């Protein structure tokens, strides 16, 4: 058996009301001043306050940083490092989706490893020496799983690209997955982040690095997402979170436990590129590309995709693996349509395809893809989502 590494949070809390554990995790370790990293909308709508009120009640001082874009930039990170130092903080609590958590990860890494202050030198497998500043991560979306992963994504606006940083030193020590913190997610975000989680699970199940331990997480995540995403979207419409939201909170974390350790593939490589060039929401980009990527890879992971169909609830009795793999692709298309995600990208034009393909093939997620792709093939894959 090959040697396989697996990295997870030291501690994670799950379930409604889990945020109440945050003050105790800080005080037991002797932290005195918390740097809150959250986005402006969460502050505006009182989501961040649910945590800061607990800190106030516990007598824990805190400082807020919320200058974070949906696709966080190098400047967002550098400004955050300066704000952390100015606040004289000793720990981080990040509250939000992938944008807030990715920004917090980069801030925590640079605070402890100042030689990487340019941010761009963290791209790829980052050669840092010290673990990031102690961090508690509180997701408010059910999709990115940034609270349990060893990677983060930053945007370089000057070069119109996203770059992925992979570093075991960036994983938050504590994850607090509280579905009540996700209750304010609007319908579109619920759908998009849910499809991001499904992409994590399916790409993780079919990536080159997949093995028994990661399979266990990814297969279960596919089951949970298939069973709960439609309900979670319906609950977002009604404004009454219930079992669907709770199921997705767990599902996205379980998927993150897996893919963080074995990698992803061409879907995420292309999705990062779309987001950098067109500001396409990441989960929407993943959803558009998922059936296309599955079809591209089908010839080398046919049996795996047949198993995905079963996990998604398809009755594959009497089907060959190839037919069942096609059924998995159809099930993904149906789920994406049911949660109202468009299958095409508005604004995508032919003259951009060469650059998009170049960037996708350079993305840190691409090497995990089970099938090699040529530049021309990636251009054709992008062409399939043109409106």
Protein backbone atom coordinates (compact mmCIF):
# COMPACT_ATOMS: atom_id res chain seq x y z
CA UNK A 1 0.00 0.00 0.00
CA UNK A 2 1.30 3.46 -0.91
CA UNK A 3 1.95 6.03 1.80
CA UNK A 4 -0.96 8.50 1.88
CA UNK A 5 -1.14 11.62 4.04
CA UNK A 6 -4.38 12.85 5.60
CA UNK A 7 -4.71 16.25 7.32
CA UNK A 8 -7.80 17.35 9.27
CA UNK A 9 -8.73 19.96 11.88
CA UNK A 10 -7.54 19.25 15.40
CA UNK A 11 -11.12 19.79 16.61
CA UNK A 12 -14.43 20.33 14.83
CA UNK A 13 -17.87 21.08 16.23
CA UNK A 14 -21.09 20.25 14.38
CA UNK A 15 -24.74 21.04 14.93
CA UNK A 16 -27.09 23.88 15.79
CA UNK A 17 -25.61 26.16 18.44
CA UNK A 18 -22.04 24.98 17.90
CA UNK A 19 -20.76 28.57 17.86
CA UNK A 20 -21.24 28.66 21.64
CA UNK A 21 -18.05 26.60 21.87
CA UNK A 22 -15.91 29.40 20.41
CA UNK A 23 -15.21 31.46 23.58
CA UNK A 24 -14.11 28.37 25.48
CA UNK A 25 -11.71 27.32 22.73
CA UNK A 26 -10.09 30.76 22.90
CA UNK A 27 -9.93 31.18 26.66
CA UNK A 28 -8.56 27.69 27.30
CA UNK A 29 -5.62 28.60 25.11
CA UNK A 30 -5.10 32.00 26.71
CA UNK A 31 -5.90 34.19 23.69
CA UNK A 32 -6.77 37.78 24.55
CA UNK A 33 -7.47 39.68 21.31
CA UNK A 34 -9.30 38.12 18.36
CA UNK A 35 -9.06 39.30 14.78
CA UNK A 36 -12.49 38.78 13.20
CA UNK A 37 -12.26 38.18 9.45
CA UNK A 38 -15.68 38.40 7.80
CA UNK A 39 -17.24 40.03 4.77
CA UNK A 40 -19.19 43.28 4.75
CA UNK A 41 -22.58 41.73 3.91
CA UNK A 42 -22.39 39.30 6.81
CA UNK A 43 -21.59 42.21 9.10
CA UNK A 44 -24.43 44.27 7.62
CA UNK A 45 -27.04 41.53 8.08
CA UNK A 46 -26.01 40.62 11.61
CA UNK A 47 -24.54 37.19 10.93
CA UNK A 48 -21.08 38.11 12.21
CA UNK A 49 -22.69 39.60 15.31
CA UNK A 50 -23.89 36.15 16.40
CA UNK A 51 -20.25 35.32 17.14
CA UNK A 52 -19.01 38.70 18.34
CA UNK A 53 -21.87 38.85 20.87
CA UNK A 54 -20.57 35.61 22.37
CA UNK A 55 -17.08 37.10 22.57
CA UNK A 56 -18.47 40.20 24.30
CA UNK A 57 -20.31 38.07 26.82
CA UNK A 58 -17.10 36.19 27.56
CA UNK A 59 -15.08 39.39 27.91
CA UNK A 60 -12.87 38.61 24.91
CA UNK A 61 -11.64 41.65 22.99
CA UNK A 62 -11.91 41.64 19.20
CA UNK A 63 -11.21 43.72 16.11
CA UNK A 64 -13.08 43.44 12.78
CA UNK A 65 -11.67 43.23 9.24
CA UNK A 66 -14.27 43.04 6.47
CA UNK A 67 -12.61 44.56 3.39
CA UNK A 68 -12.91 41.32 1.43
CA UNK A 69 -14.09 40.88 -2.15
CA UNK A 70 -16.12 37.81 -3.27
CA UNK A 71 -12.96 36.68 -5.07
CA UNK A 72 -10.36 37.94 -2.56
CA UNK A 73 -7.36 39.73 -3.98
CA UNK A 74 -3.70 40.08 -3.07
CA UNK A 75 -4.47 43.55 -1.72
CA UNK A 76 -7.29 42.21 0.50
CA UNK A 77 -4.76 39.85 2.08
CA UNK A 78 -2.02 42.45 2.48
CA UNK A 79 -4.43 44.99 3.96
CA UNK A 80 -5.64 42.27 6.32
CA UNK A 81 -2.12 41.52 7.51
CA UNK A 82 -1.61 45.22 8.24
CA UNK A 83 -4.95 45.36 10.10
CA UNK A 84 -4.05 42.28 12.16
CA UNK A 85 -0.79 43.86 13.26
CA UNK A 86 -2.43 47.22 13.99
CA UNK A 87 -5.03 45.48 16.15
CA UNK A 88 -2.30 43.71 18.14
CA UNK A 89 -4.37 40.54 17.84
CA UNK A 90 -3.16 37.09 18.81
CA UNK A 91 -5.75 34.84 17.12
CA UNK A 92 -8.24 34.75 14.25
CA UNK A 93 -11.90 33.85 14.02
CA UNK A 94 -13.07 33.84 10.42
CA UNK A 95 -16.80 33.92 9.67
CA UNK A 96 -18.09 33.53 6.15
CA UNK A 97 -17.85 31.59 2.94
CA UNK A 98 -14.73 30.69 1.02
CA UNK A 99 -13.79 34.32 0.45
CA UNK A 100 -13.53 35.20 4.14
CA UNK A 101 -11.90 31.92 5.11
CA UNK A 102 -9.37 31.99 2.26
CA UNK A 103 -8.43 35.56 3.14
CA UNK A 104 -8.03 34.63 6.80
CA UNK A 105 -5.86 31.65 5.91
CA UNK A 106 -3.51 33.82 3.86
CA UNK A 107 -3.38 36.47 6.59
CA UNK A 108 -2.58 33.89 9.25
CA UNK A 109 0.16 32.34 7.12
CA UNK A 110 1.87 35.66 6.34
CA UNK A 111 1.68 36.90 9.93
CA UNK A 112 3.72 33.86 10.97
CA UNK A 113 5.79 33.66 7.77
CA UNK A 114 6.42 37.32 6.80
CA UNK A 115 8.84 36.36 4.04
CA UNK A 116 5.74 35.58 1.94
CA UNK A 117 4.26 39.08 2.27
CA UNK A 118 4.02 39.43 -1.51
CA UNK A 119 1.31 36.70 -1.37
CA UNK A 120 2.07 35.46 -4.90
CA UNK A 121 5.06 33.44 -3.67
CA UNK A 122 2.57 31.24 -1.78
CA UNK A 123 1.20 29.81 -5.05
CA UNK A 124 1.31 26.06 -5.45
CA UNK A 125 2.69 23.91 -2.66
CA UNK A 126 3.74 26.66 -0.27
CA UNK A 127 7.12 26.17 1.43
CA UNK A 128 6.18 27.81 4.74
CA UNK A 129 7.87 26.82 7.99
CA UNK A 130 5.39 27.91 10.64
CA UNK A 131 1.72 27.15 11.13
CA UNK A 132 -0.68 30.02 10.58
CA UNK A 133 -1.91 32.09 13.51
CA UNK A 134 -4.37 30.09 15.62
CA UNK A 135 -7.66 30.18 13.71
CA UNK A 136 -11.24 29.15 14.33
CA UNK A 137 -13.24 28.91 11.09
CA UNK A 138 -17.02 29.33 11.04
CA UNK A 139 -18.58 28.68 7.61
CA UNK A 140 -21.75 30.52 6.63
CA UNK A 141 -22.20 28.71 3.32
CA UNK A 142 -22.55 24.99 2.65
CA UNK A 143 -20.09 24.40 -0.13
CA UNK A 144 -16.50 25.55 0.00
CA UNK A 145 -15.38 23.51 3.05
CA UNK A 146 -12.51 25.99 3.44
CA UNK A 147 -12.73 25.40 7.19
CA UNK A 148 -11.26 21.90 6.76
CA UNK A 149 -9.00 22.21 3.71
CA UNK A 150 -5.27 22.78 3.31
CA UNK A 151 -5.67 25.18 0.41
CA UNK A 152 -6.95 28.64 -0.39
CA UNK A 153 -7.47 30.66 -3.57
CA UNK A 154 -6.43 34.28 -4.16
CA UNK A 155 -7.04 36.51 -7.19
CA UNK A 156 -4.30 38.47 -8.95
CA UNK A 157 -6.25 41.27 -10.71
CA UNK A 158 -3.22 42.52 -12.63
CA UNK A 159 -2.78 39.16 -14.34
CA UNK A 160 -6.52 38.38 -14.39
CA UNK A 161 -6.03 34.97 -12.77
CA UNK A 162 -6.67 33.02 -9.62
CA UNK A 163 -3.92 31.04 -7.96
CA UNK A 164 -4.22 28.15 -5.55
CA UNK A 165 -2.02 27.85 -2.46
CA UNK A 166 -1.65 24.41 -0.87
CA UNK A 167 -0.17 24.29 2.62
CA UNK A 168 -0.73 22.00 5.60
CA UNK A 169 0.16 25.01 7.76
CA UNK A 170 -2.97 26.91 6.74
CA UNK A 171 -5.67 24.54 8.04
CA UNK A 172 -7.69 26.12 10.88
CA UNK A 173 -7.13 24.34 14.17
CA UNK A 174 -10.83 24.49 14.98
CA UNK A 175 -13.84 24.28 12.64
CA UNK A 176 -17.30 25.21 13.89
CA UNK A 177 -19.96 23.96 11.47
CA UNK A 178 -23.21 25.41 12.77
CA UNK A 179 -26.16 25.19 10.34
CA UNK A 180 -27.79 28.14 12.10
CA UNK A 181 -24.95 30.30 10.78
CA UNK A 182 -26.04 29.28 7.27
CA UNK A 183 -29.70 30.16 7.76
CA UNK A 184 -29.43 33.52 5.97
CA UNK A 185 -28.00 32.08 2.74
CA UNK A 186 -30.16 33.23 -0.19
CA UNK A 187 -31.52 30.76 -2.71
CA UNK A 188 -28.92 31.33 -5.41
CA UNK A 189 -26.00 31.01 -3.02
CA UNK A 190 -27.49 27.89 -1.45
CA UNK A 191 -27.70 26.28 -4.89
CA UNK A 192 -24.27 27.41 -6.09
CA UNK A 193 -22.34 26.44 -2.98
CA UNK A 194 -24.18 23.13 -2.86
CA UNK A 195 -23.10 22.33 -6.41
CA UNK A 196 -19.55 23.35 -5.49
CA UNK A 197 -19.69 20.75 -2.73
CA UNK A 198 -20.97 18.13 -5.18
CA UNK A 199 -18.13 18.98 -7.54
CA UNK A 200 -15.65 18.55 -4.68
CA UNK A 201 -17.12 15.13 -3.92
CA UNK A 202 -17.29 13.83 -7.50
CA UNK A 203 -13.90 15.22 -8.56
CA UNK A 204 -12.38 13.93 -5.34
CA UNK A 205 -13.87 10.48 -6.00
CA UNK A 206 -12.38 10.35 -9.50
CA UNK A 207 -9.09 12.23 -9.02
CA UNK A 208 -5.72 10.52 -9.52
CA UNK A 209 -5.01 10.58 -5.79
CA UNK A 210 -8.26 8.94 -4.64
CA UNK A 211 -7.90 6.02 -2.23
CA UNK A 212 -9.96 4.10 0.30
CA UNK A 213 -10.05 6.72 3.06
CA UNK A 214 -10.92 9.61 0.76
CA UNK A 215 -13.46 7.43 -1.08
CA UNK A 216 -15.32 6.90 2.17
CA UNK A 217 -15.82 10.65 2.62
CA UNK A 218 -16.58 11.48 -1.01
CA UNK A 219 -19.12 8.71 -1.52
CA UNK A 220 -21.01 9.72 1.62
CA UNK A 221 -20.88 13.39 0.61
CA UNK A 222 -22.41 12.56 -2.79
CA UNK A 223 -25.22 10.70 -1.04
CA UNK A 224 -25.87 13.53 1.40
CA UNK A 225 -25.83 16.27 -1.24
CA UNK A 226 -28.11 14.33 -3.59
CA UNK A 227 -30.55 13.79 -0.73
CA UNK A 228 -30.46 17.30 0.75
CA UNK A 229 -29.60 20.03 -1.78
CA UNK A 230 -33.06 20.34 -3.32
CA UNK A 231 -34.59 20.57 0.15
CA UNK A 232 -32.00 23.14 1.24
CA UNK A 233 -32.86 25.33 -1.75
CA UNK A 234 -36.58 24.99 -1.01
CA UNK A 235 -35.91 25.93 2.62
CA UNK A 236 -33.97 28.99 1.47
CA UNK A 237 -36.99 30.03 -0.60
CA UNK A 238 -39.36 29.57 2.33
CA UNK A 239 -37.03 31.15 4.86
CA UNK A 240 -37.46 28.14 7.14
CA UNK A 241 -34.21 26.14 7.41
CA UNK A 242 -34.70 22.50 8.37
CA UNK A 243 -33.15 19.12 7.63
CA UNK A 244 -31.96 20.05 4.13
CA UNK A 245 -29.81 22.87 5.44
CA UNK A 246 -28.49 20.66 8.23
CA UNK A 247 -27.69 17.88 5.78
CA UNK A 248 -25.79 20.23 3.48
CA UNK A 249 -23.80 21.69 6.38
CA UNK A 250 -22.48 18.21 7.14
CA UNK A 251 -22.15 17.13 3.50
CA UNK A 252 -19.91 19.99 2.43
CA UNK A 253 -17.60 19.40 5.41
CA UNK A 254 -17.37 15.67 4.68
CA UNK A 255 -16.51 16.41 1.04
CA UNK A 256 -13.83 18.84 2.21
CA UNK A 257 -12.27 16.21 4.46
CA UNK A 258 -11.66 14.17 1.34
CA UNK A 259 -10.70 16.49 -1.50
CA UNK A 260 -8.37 18.59 0.63
CA UNK A 261 -6.15 15.53 0.89
CA UNK A 262 -6.35 14.02 -2.60
CA UNK A 263 -6.95 16.95 -4.93
CA UNK A 264 -9.51 17.84 -7.58
CA UNK A 265 -9.35 18.07 -11.35
CA UNK A 266 -10.11 19.89 -14.57
CA UNK A 267 -13.52 21.21 -13.48
CA UNK A 268 -12.00 23.29 -10.69
CA UNK A 269 -9.06 24.34 -12.86
CA UNK A 270 -11.48 25.71 -15.46
CA UNK A 271 -13.85 27.17 -12.84
CA UNK A 272 -11.04 29.17 -11.23
CA UNK A 273 -10.20 30.57 -14.66
CA UNK A 274 -13.80 31.54 -15.42
CA UNK A 275 -14.13 33.32 -12.08
CA UNK A 276 -10.93 35.26 -12.61
CA UNK A 277 -11.88 36.44 -16.10
CA UNK A 278 -15.63 36.91 -15.78
CA UNK A 279 -16.20 37.11 -12.02
CA UNK A 280 -18.48 34.08 -12.37
CA UNK A 281 -19.49 32.81 -8.92
CA UNK A 282 -17.30 29.82 -8.20
CA UNK A 283 -20.09 27.37 -7.47
CA UNK A 284 -21.97 28.38 -10.61
CA UNK A 285 -18.84 27.84 -12.70
CA UNK A 286 -18.32 24.41 -11.11
CA UNK A 287 -21.92 23.41 -11.78
CA UNK A 288 -21.77 24.44 -15.45
CA UNK A 289 -18.60 22.46 -16.00
CA UNK A 290 -19.27 19.36 -13.88
CA UNK A 291 -21.20 17.23 -16.42
CA UNK A 292 -18.80 18.33 -19.16
CA UNK A 293 -15.76 17.32 -17.10
CA UNK A 294 -17.40 14.01 -16.16
CA UNK A 295 -18.06 13.26 -19.82
CA UNK A 296 -14.46 14.14 -20.72
CA UNK A 297 -13.09 11.82 -18.02
CA UNK A 298 -15.64 9.03 -18.46
CA UNK A 299 -13.42 6.77 -20.52
CA UNK A 300 -10.82 6.45 -17.76
CA UNK A 301 -13.11 6.46 -14.69
CA UNK A 302 -16.17 4.63 -16.04
CA UNK A 303 -16.61 2.34 -13.04
CA UNK A 304 -16.13 5.22 -10.61
CA UNK A 305 -18.81 7.27 -12.34
CA UNK A 306 -21.12 4.25 -12.29
CA UNK A 307 -20.64 4.21 -8.52
CA UNK A 308 -21.42 7.95 -8.42
CA UNK A 309 -24.77 7.17 -10.06
CA UNK A 310 -25.61 4.75 -7.25
CA UNK A 311 -24.59 7.33 -4.64
CA UNK A 312 -26.91 9.84 -6.31
CA UNK A 313 -29.83 7.45 -5.93
CA UNK A 314 -29.99 6.11 -9.49
CA UNK A 315 -31.28 2.54 -9.82
CA UNK A 316 -28.52 1.03 -11.95
CA UNK A 317 -29.85 -2.53 -11.84
CA UNK A 318 -29.06 -4.23 -15.14
CA UNK A 319 -26.97 -1.32 -16.43
CA UNK A 320 -23.45 -1.69 -17.75
CA UNK A 321 -20.85 0.56 -16.13
CA UNK A 322 -20.85 2.77 -19.20
CA UNK A 323 -24.61 3.25 -19.16
CA UNK A 324 -24.54 3.87 -15.40
CA UNK A 325 -21.77 6.46 -15.88
CA UNK A 326 -24.00 8.25 -18.39
CA UNK A 327 -26.80 8.08 -15.82
CA UNK A 328 -24.54 9.80 -13.28
CA UNK A 329 -23.89 12.62 -15.73
CA UNK A 330 -27.61 12.93 -16.40
CA UNK A 331 -28.33 13.00 -12.66
CA UNK A 332 -25.86 15.85 -12.16
CA UNK A 333 -27.46 17.82 -15.01
CA UNK A 334 -30.91 17.26 -13.51
CA UNK A 335 -29.85 18.32 -10.02
CA UNK A 336 -28.23 21.48 -11.38
CA UNK A 337 -31.38 22.30 -13.36
CA UNK A 338 -33.61 21.57 -10.36
CA UNK A 339 -31.74 24.18 -8.28
CA UNK A 340 -31.96 26.63 -11.20
CA UNK A 341 -28.32 26.97 -12.25
CA UNK A 342 -27.87 27.93 -15.91
CA UNK A 343 -25.79 25.53 -18.02
CA UNK A 344 -24.02 28.29 -19.95
CA UNK A 345 -21.81 31.27 -19.15
CA UNK A 346 -22.98 34.67 -20.34
CA UNK A 347 -20.21 36.82 -21.78
CA UNK A 348 -17.93 33.92 -22.68
CA UNK A 349 -16.56 34.71 -26.16
CA UNK A 350 -14.49 32.78 -28.68
CA UNK A 351 -11.53 35.17 -28.59
CA UNK A 352 -10.95 34.45 -24.89
CA UNK A 353 -10.85 30.67 -25.16
CA UNK A 354 -7.14 30.28 -25.84
CA UNK A 355 -6.19 32.30 -22.76
CA UNK A 356 -8.75 30.51 -20.62
CA UNK A 357 -7.36 27.14 -21.68
CA UNK A 358 -3.79 28.23 -20.99
CA UNK A 359 -4.71 29.40 -17.49
CA UNK A 360 -6.73 26.27 -16.71
CA UNK A 361 -3.87 23.96 -17.64
CA UNK A 362 -1.56 25.91 -15.31
CA UNK A 363 -4.00 25.78 -12.38
CA UNK A 364 -2.90 23.76 -9.34
CA UNK A 365 -6.07 21.63 -9.49
CA UNK A 366 -5.46 20.35 -13.03
CA UNK A 367 -2.74 17.74 -12.24
CA UNK A 368 -5.25 15.73 -10.22
CA UNK A 369 -7.45 15.13 -13.26
CA UNK A 370 -7.56 11.44 -14.19
CA UNK A 371 -7.17 12.16 -17.91
CA UNK A 372 -4.59 14.36 -19.59
CA UNK A 373 -6.02 17.18 -21.70
CA UNK A 374 -4.54 19.08 -24.60
CA UNK A 375 -4.92 22.81 -25.07
CA UNK A 376 -7.34 22.20 -27.93
CA UNK A 377 -9.47 19.85 -25.82
CA UNK A 378 -9.78 22.41 -23.02
CA UNK A 379 -10.78 25.07 -25.54
CA UNK A 380 -13.51 22.73 -26.73
CA UNK A 381 -14.67 22.07 -23.16
CA UNK A 382 -15.02 25.82 -22.57
CA UNK A 383 -16.85 26.14 -25.88
CA UNK A 384 -19.52 23.77 -24.57
CA UNK A 385 -20.67 26.33 -21.98
CA UNK A 386 -20.86 29.30 -24.34
CA UNK A 387 -24.33 30.86 -24.32
